[in-house]
Amino acid sequence: MKDKKRYSEAFKQKVMEELRDGKWKMVADAAQAYGVSAQGVRYWMKRLGFEHLNGRIIYVKTTSEIDEIKRLKAIEEAIWIYSHRRLHLDSLPFQFGSRDCTTFAHSCPLKPP
């Protein structure tokens, strides 16, 4: 008969804290270090409220990359606003004045995502 291992709550909490603090890159690393199954560690994560750590992705970016992402998001938002306001204006009857976007820009009910 195979012996069953039982782990204390303190031990489980220690493993979870090490995962949270980044000592282990993956659940499998922590499991292997302590001789526990990865499935068991994932179960502890769920039971102890550390599920948010499972499968996390950490992005490391330079400040220039962050600035470029912000710039591209601003451009994307401007394009979205322009295209949806243009659609809104194209649906208006002709007697309501100019079809130029700047005329009705302040009253457009559409908002960007």
Protein backbone atom coordinates (compact mmCIF):
# COMPACT_ATOMS: atom_id res chain seq x y z
CA MET A 1 0.00 0.00 0.00
CA LYS A 2 1.31 3.42 -0.96
CA ASP A 3 1.72 6.00 1.81
CA LYS A 4 -0.30 9.20 1.43
CA LYS A 5 1.38 12.50 2.11
CA ARG A 6 -0.51 15.14 4.04
CA TYR A 7 0.69 18.73 3.93
CA SER A 8 0.00 21.26 6.64
CA GLU A 9 -1.88 24.47 5.92
CA ALA A 10 1.26 26.42 6.83
CA PHE A 11 3.27 24.51 4.22
CA LYS A 12 0.61 25.09 1.55
CA GLN A 13 0.48 28.78 2.43
CA LYS A 14 4.29 29.01 2.18
CA VAL A 15 4.25 27.51 -1.34
CA MET A 16 1.48 29.93 -2.39
CA GLU A 17 3.39 32.91 -1.03
CA GLU A 18 6.53 31.83 -2.88
CA LEU A 19 4.53 31.59 -6.12
CA ARG A 20 3.02 35.01 -5.46
CA ASP A 21 6.40 36.57 -4.71
CA GLY A 22 7.90 35.17 -7.92
CA LYS A 23 10.31 32.65 -6.45
CA TRP A 24 8.90 30.11 -8.91
CA LYS A 25 8.15 30.93 -12.53
CA MET A 26 5.60 28.15 -12.91
CA VAL A 27 3.44 25.96 -10.71
CA ALA A 28 5.40 22.96 -11.98
CA ASP A 29 8.65 24.46 -10.67
CA ALA A 30 7.26 24.85 -7.15
CA ALA A 31 5.70 21.38 -7.28
CA GLN A 32 8.96 19.78 -8.38
CA ALA A 33 10.99 21.63 -5.73
CA TYR A 34 8.79 20.28 -2.94
CA GLY A 35 7.95 16.88 -4.44
CA VAL A 36 4.27 17.67 -4.83
CA SER A 37 2.13 17.13 -7.92
CA ALA A 38 1.41 20.25 -9.98
CA GLN A 39 -2.27 19.30 -9.89
CA GLY A 40 -2.12 19.34 -6.09
CA VAL A 41 -0.53 22.80 -6.05
CA ARG A 42 -3.22 24.10 -8.42
CA TYR A 43 -5.87 22.68 -6.10
CA TRP A 44 -4.26 24.51 -3.17
CA MET A 45 -4.26 27.70 -5.25
CA LYS A 46 -7.98 27.41 -5.79
CA ARG A 47 -8.75 26.47 -2.20
CA LEU A 48 -6.54 29.14 -0.62
CA GLY A 49 -7.59 32.00 -2.90
CA PHE A 50 -4.45 32.20 -5.04
CA GLU A 51 -6.17 31.23 -8.30
CA HIS A 52 -5.26 34.57 -9.87
CA LEU A 53 -1.62 33.40 -9.96
CA ASN A 54 -2.37 30.43 -12.18
CA GLY A 55 -1.22 31.07 -15.73
CA ARG A 56 -0.19 34.66 -15.11
CA ILE A 57 1.80 36.51 -17.74
CA ILE A 58 4.23 39.21 -16.72
CA TYR A 59 5.08 41.81 -19.34
CA VAL A 60 8.35 43.68 -19.03
CA LYS A 61 8.45 46.84 -21.13
CA THR A 62 10.72 49.82 -21.49
CA THR A 63 9.37 53.33 -21.03
CA SER A 64 9.72 53.96 -24.77
CA GLU A 65 7.55 50.88 -25.47
CA ILE A 66 4.95 52.09 -22.99
CA ASP A 67 4.94 55.55 -24.60
CA GLU A 68 4.55 53.99 -28.05
CA ILE A 69 1.62 51.85 -26.84
CA LYS A 70 -0.08 54.95 -25.39
CA ARG A 71 0.47 56.83 -28.66
CA LEU A 72 -0.96 53.97 -30.73
CA LYS A 73 -3.99 53.65 -28.43
CA ALA A 74 -4.66 57.39 -28.80
CA ILE A 75 -4.47 57.07 -32.59
CA GLU A 76 -6.76 54.04 -32.51
CA GLU A 77 -9.28 55.92 -30.38
CA ALA A 78 -9.17 58.95 -32.70
CA ILE A 79 -9.80 56.71 -35.72
CA TRP A 80 -12.69 55.01 -33.93
CA ILE A 81 -14.26 58.34 -32.96
CA TYR A 82 -13.86 59.76 -36.45
CA SER A 83 -15.27 56.69 -38.21
CA HIS A 84 -18.27 56.37 -35.88
CA ARG A 85 -19.08 60.07 -35.96
CA ARG A 86 -18.82 59.93 -39.72
CA LEU A 87 -21.29 57.02 -39.77
CA HIS A 88 -23.60 58.98 -37.46
CA LEU A 89 -23.42 62.06 -39.71
CA ASP A 90 -24.00 60.03 -42.87
CA SER A 91 -27.26 58.76 -41.40
CA LEU A 92 -28.60 62.29 -40.79
CA PRO A 93 -31.04 63.84 -43.30
CA PHE A 94 -29.44 66.36 -45.67
CA GLN A 95 -31.55 69.32 -44.39
CA PHE A 96 -29.71 69.32 -41.05
CA GLY A 97 -26.78 71.24 -42.43
CA SER A 98 -23.18 70.48 -43.22
CA ARG A 99 -22.03 66.88 -43.44
CA ASP A 100 -18.66 67.92 -42.01
CA CYS A 101 -17.76 65.99 -38.85
CA THR A 102 -16.78 69.12 -36.94
CA THR A 103 -20.32 70.50 -37.14
CA PHE A 104 -21.92 67.70 -35.12
CA ALA A 105 -18.88 66.41 -33.25
CA HIS A 106 -20.00 67.79 -29.88
CA SER A 107 -23.46 66.19 -30.09
CA CYS A 108 -22.48 62.74 -31.30
CA PRO A 109 -23.94 60.12 -28.91
CA LEU A 110 -21.31 57.53 -29.80
CA LYS A 111 -18.41 57.02 -27.44
CA PRO A 112 -15.14 55.15 -28.07
CA PRO A 113 -14.53 51.75 -26.46
